[in-house]
Amino acid sequence: MSMLKLYEYQFRVMIHILENIDKWKCEYKKCGAKCCSEGIQLTIEDIKRIKDLGYSPDDFLELDETVNVFKIKGKDGKCFFNGKKLECTIRDNEPLICRLLPFKIVEVSYSDEPLMRLKPVVDCPGVGQGKKIDKKKIESDATKFLRENQKLIRDLKKKGQKGVLADI
């Protein structure tokens, strides 16, 4: 068994989508970009991707010390990366959390087998519109988020905020 297969086998993850949605299209103009609020949680890989676009972490990043996670700073009550027309200015490099849309995380547990429960965003005008949702992609991104976030939590405990940011 390869090391990757062994790692995947040892790191079983449970992703539960609690309500089914078949189609979705982001209709941010119709809802005022309701999902694009301040405080979107970031993983280290998210931060690296955004930093590689030329942004300084000091401009967009804050540490929520109550739950020990990095989040996107707000700008006028919205995500730092919302444009004037409410569009996402980093769409091709958006955080993993944003890739889970139209679902939002309602529960995360890091026990023997990490668990994430996802539920559709309430009152989203894009539900039932657009392309068929790729549930395998949602599950893959959710699993990636869990893995990256679990590593971040460990690194923050071990190295602290400055140590983690110095490694980026």
Protein backbone atom coordinates (compact mmCIF):
# COMPACT_ATOMS: atom_id res chain seq x y z
CA MET A 1 0.00 0.00 0.00
CA SER A 2 1.39 3.42 -0.96
CA MET A 3 2.02 6.03 1.73
CA LEU A 4 -0.77 8.24 0.34
CA LYS A 5 -3.27 5.35 0.36
CA LEU A 6 -2.16 4.45 3.89
CA TYR A 7 -2.63 8.07 5.01
CA GLU A 8 -6.07 8.25 3.41
CA TYR A 9 -7.00 4.96 5.02
CA GLN A 10 -5.81 6.11 8.45
CA PHE A 11 -7.50 9.49 8.10
CA ARG A 12 -11.10 8.57 7.49
CA VAL A 13 -13.40 11.53 7.30
CA MET A 14 -17.15 11.63 7.53
CA ILE A 15 -18.88 14.33 5.46
CA HIS A 16 -22.65 14.48 5.87
CA ILE A 17 -24.79 16.66 3.62
CA LEU A 18 -27.98 17.02 5.65
CA GLU A 19 -30.34 18.28 2.93
CA ASN A 20 -30.18 17.58 -0.78
CA ILE A 21 -29.89 20.26 -3.45
CA ASP A 22 -29.57 19.21 -7.10
CA LYS A 23 -28.70 22.48 -8.85
CA TRP A 24 -27.16 25.76 -7.77
CA LYS A 25 -25.84 28.99 -9.22
CA CYS A 26 -24.39 31.86 -7.19
CA GLU A 27 -26.87 34.72 -7.56
CA TYR A 28 -24.93 37.16 -5.38
CA LYS A 29 -26.55 40.21 -6.97
CA LYS A 30 -30.03 38.98 -6.02
CA CYS A 31 -29.21 38.39 -2.34
CA GLY A 32 -26.61 41.13 -1.83
CA ALA A 33 -23.79 38.58 -1.52
CA LYS A 34 -25.23 37.29 1.74
CA CYS A 35 -22.69 34.43 1.97
CA CYS A 36 -19.76 36.77 1.40
CA SER A 37 -19.65 38.14 4.90
CA GLU A 38 -16.67 39.07 7.03
CA GLY A 39 -15.07 36.33 9.11
CA ILE A 40 -14.79 33.56 6.51
CA GLN A 41 -12.48 30.91 7.93
CA LEU A 42 -9.18 30.27 6.13
CA THR A 43 -6.72 27.40 6.04
CA ILE A 44 -2.97 27.87 5.58
CA GLU A 45 -3.27 26.79 1.94
CA ASP A 46 -6.01 29.43 1.43
CA ILE A 47 -3.72 32.08 2.92
CA LYS A 48 -0.82 30.98 0.69
CA ARG A 49 -2.98 31.12 -2.47
CA ILE A 50 -4.24 34.60 -1.60
CA LYS A 51 -0.75 35.82 -0.65
CA ASP A 52 0.55 34.53 -4.01
CA LEU A 53 -1.94 36.90 -5.69
CA GLY A 54 0.02 39.81 -4.19
CA TYR A 55 -2.04 40.49 -1.06
CA SER A 56 -0.31 41.01 2.27
CA PRO A 57 -1.72 38.86 5.09
CA ASP A 58 -1.77 42.01 7.26
CA ASP A 59 -4.39 43.46 4.90
CA PHE A 60 -6.87 40.56 4.80
CA LEU A 61 -6.12 38.24 7.71
CA GLU A 62 -7.09 38.16 11.37
CA LEU A 63 -6.78 35.50 14.07
CA ASP A 64 -9.91 34.67 16.04
CA GLU A 65 -8.27 33.69 19.32
CA THR A 66 -11.52 32.43 20.85
CA VAL A 67 -11.57 29.44 18.47
CA ASN A 68 -7.95 29.62 17.23
CA VAL A 69 -8.66 30.07 13.52
CA PHE A 70 -7.65 32.55 10.84
CA LYS A 71 -10.45 34.53 9.23
CA ILE A 72 -10.84 37.09 6.45
CA LYS A 73 -11.17 40.65 7.71
CA GLY A 74 -14.33 42.50 6.93
CA LYS A 75 -14.84 45.57 4.78
CA ASP A 76 -18.16 47.38 5.20
CA GLY A 77 -19.70 44.25 6.76
CA LYS A 78 -18.70 42.08 3.79
CA CYS A 79 -15.71 39.93 2.91
CA PHE A 80 -12.50 41.88 2.29
CA PHE A 81 -12.48 40.45 -1.27
CA ASN A 82 -15.96 41.62 -2.29
CA GLY A 83 -15.77 44.06 -5.18
CA LYS A 84 -17.87 47.18 -5.71
CA LYS A 85 -20.50 45.16 -7.57
CA LEU A 86 -20.41 42.46 -4.84
CA GLU A 87 -18.39 40.11 -7.07
CA CYS A 88 -15.62 37.97 -5.61
CA THR A 89 -12.30 39.49 -6.66
CA ILE A 90 -10.40 36.22 -5.98
CA ARG A 91 -12.97 33.78 -7.47
CA ASP A 92 -10.39 31.43 -9.03
CA ASN A 93 -8.47 31.30 -5.74
CA GLU A 94 -11.36 31.43 -3.30
CA PRO A 95 -11.08 29.80 0.15
CA LEU A 96 -12.19 26.20 0.63
CA ILE A 97 -15.17 27.36 2.70
CA CYS A 98 -16.48 29.29 -0.31
CA ARG A 99 -16.11 26.21 -2.51
CA LEU A 100 -18.61 24.40 -0.29
CA LEU A 101 -21.42 26.74 -1.31
CA PRO A 102 -24.43 26.38 -1.45
CA PHE A 103 -23.71 24.48 1.75
CA LYS A 104 -22.44 25.86 5.02
CA ILE A 105 -20.78 24.03 7.87
CA VAL A 106 -23.11 23.42 10.79
CA GLU A 107 -20.86 21.06 12.77
CA VAL A 108 -17.22 20.00 12.84
CA SER A 109 -15.81 17.41 15.20
CA TYR A 110 -12.21 16.21 15.38
CA SER A 111 -12.62 12.93 17.22
CA ASP A 112 -11.20 9.58 16.08
CA GLU A 113 -12.84 10.12 12.71
CA PRO A 114 -13.21 13.81 11.81
CA LEU A 115 -16.79 14.72 11.04
CA MET A 116 -18.37 17.61 9.16
CA ARG A 117 -22.06 18.26 8.69
CA LEU A 118 -23.17 20.56 5.88
CA LYS A 119 -26.53 22.19 5.40
CA PRO A 120 -27.82 24.40 2.57
CA VAL A 121 -27.60 28.16 3.01
CA VAL A 122 -31.03 29.48 4.01
CA ASP A 123 -33.06 31.51 1.47
CA CYS A 124 -30.49 31.33 -1.32
CA PRO A 125 -31.98 32.58 -4.62
CA GLY A 126 -29.60 30.33 -6.60
CA VAL A 127 -30.97 27.02 -5.30
CA GLY A 128 -32.53 25.07 -8.17
CA GLN A 129 -30.74 27.25 -10.75
CA GLY A 130 -27.66 26.61 -12.88
CA LYS A 131 -25.50 23.49 -13.01
CA LYS A 132 -25.95 20.20 -11.23
CA ILE A 133 -24.02 20.16 -7.95
CA ASP A 134 -20.96 17.93 -7.94
CA LYS A 135 -21.33 16.30 -4.52
CA LYS A 136 -18.04 14.44 -4.87
CA LYS A 137 -16.27 17.80 -5.34
CA ILE A 138 -18.09 19.23 -2.29
CA GLU A 139 -17.05 16.19 -0.23
CA SER A 140 -13.47 16.43 -1.52
CA ASP A 141 -13.22 20.15 -0.64
CA ALA A 142 -14.82 19.53 2.77
CA THR A 143 -12.32 16.73 3.49
CA LYS A 144 -9.44 18.96 2.38
CA PHE A 145 -10.74 21.73 4.66
CA LEU A 146 -10.91 19.34 7.64
CA ARG A 147 -7.38 18.07 7.05
CA GLU A 148 -5.89 21.52 6.57
CA ASN A 149 -7.79 22.99 9.51
CA GLN A 150 -6.77 20.16 11.83
CA LYS A 151 -3.13 20.75 10.88
CA LEU A 152 -3.54 24.51 11.44
CA ILE A 153 -4.98 23.95 14.93
CA ARG A 154 -2.00 21.74 15.84
CA ASP A 155 0.50 24.22 14.37
CA LEU A 156 -1.07 27.19 16.19
CA LYS A 157 -0.79 25.32 19.49
CA LYS A 158 2.82 24.35 18.78
CA LYS A 159 4.19 27.47 17.05
CA GLY A 160 1.73 30.28 17.83
CA GLN A 161 0.38 32.80 15.33
CA LYS A 162 3.73 34.38 14.51
CA GLY A 163 5.39 31.00 13.98
CA VAL A 164 2.62 29.80 11.65
CA LEU A 165 2.65 33.03 9.63
CA ALA A 166 6.47 32.97 9.40
CA ASP A 167 6.21 29.58 7.64
CA ILE A 168 3.91 30.94 4.91
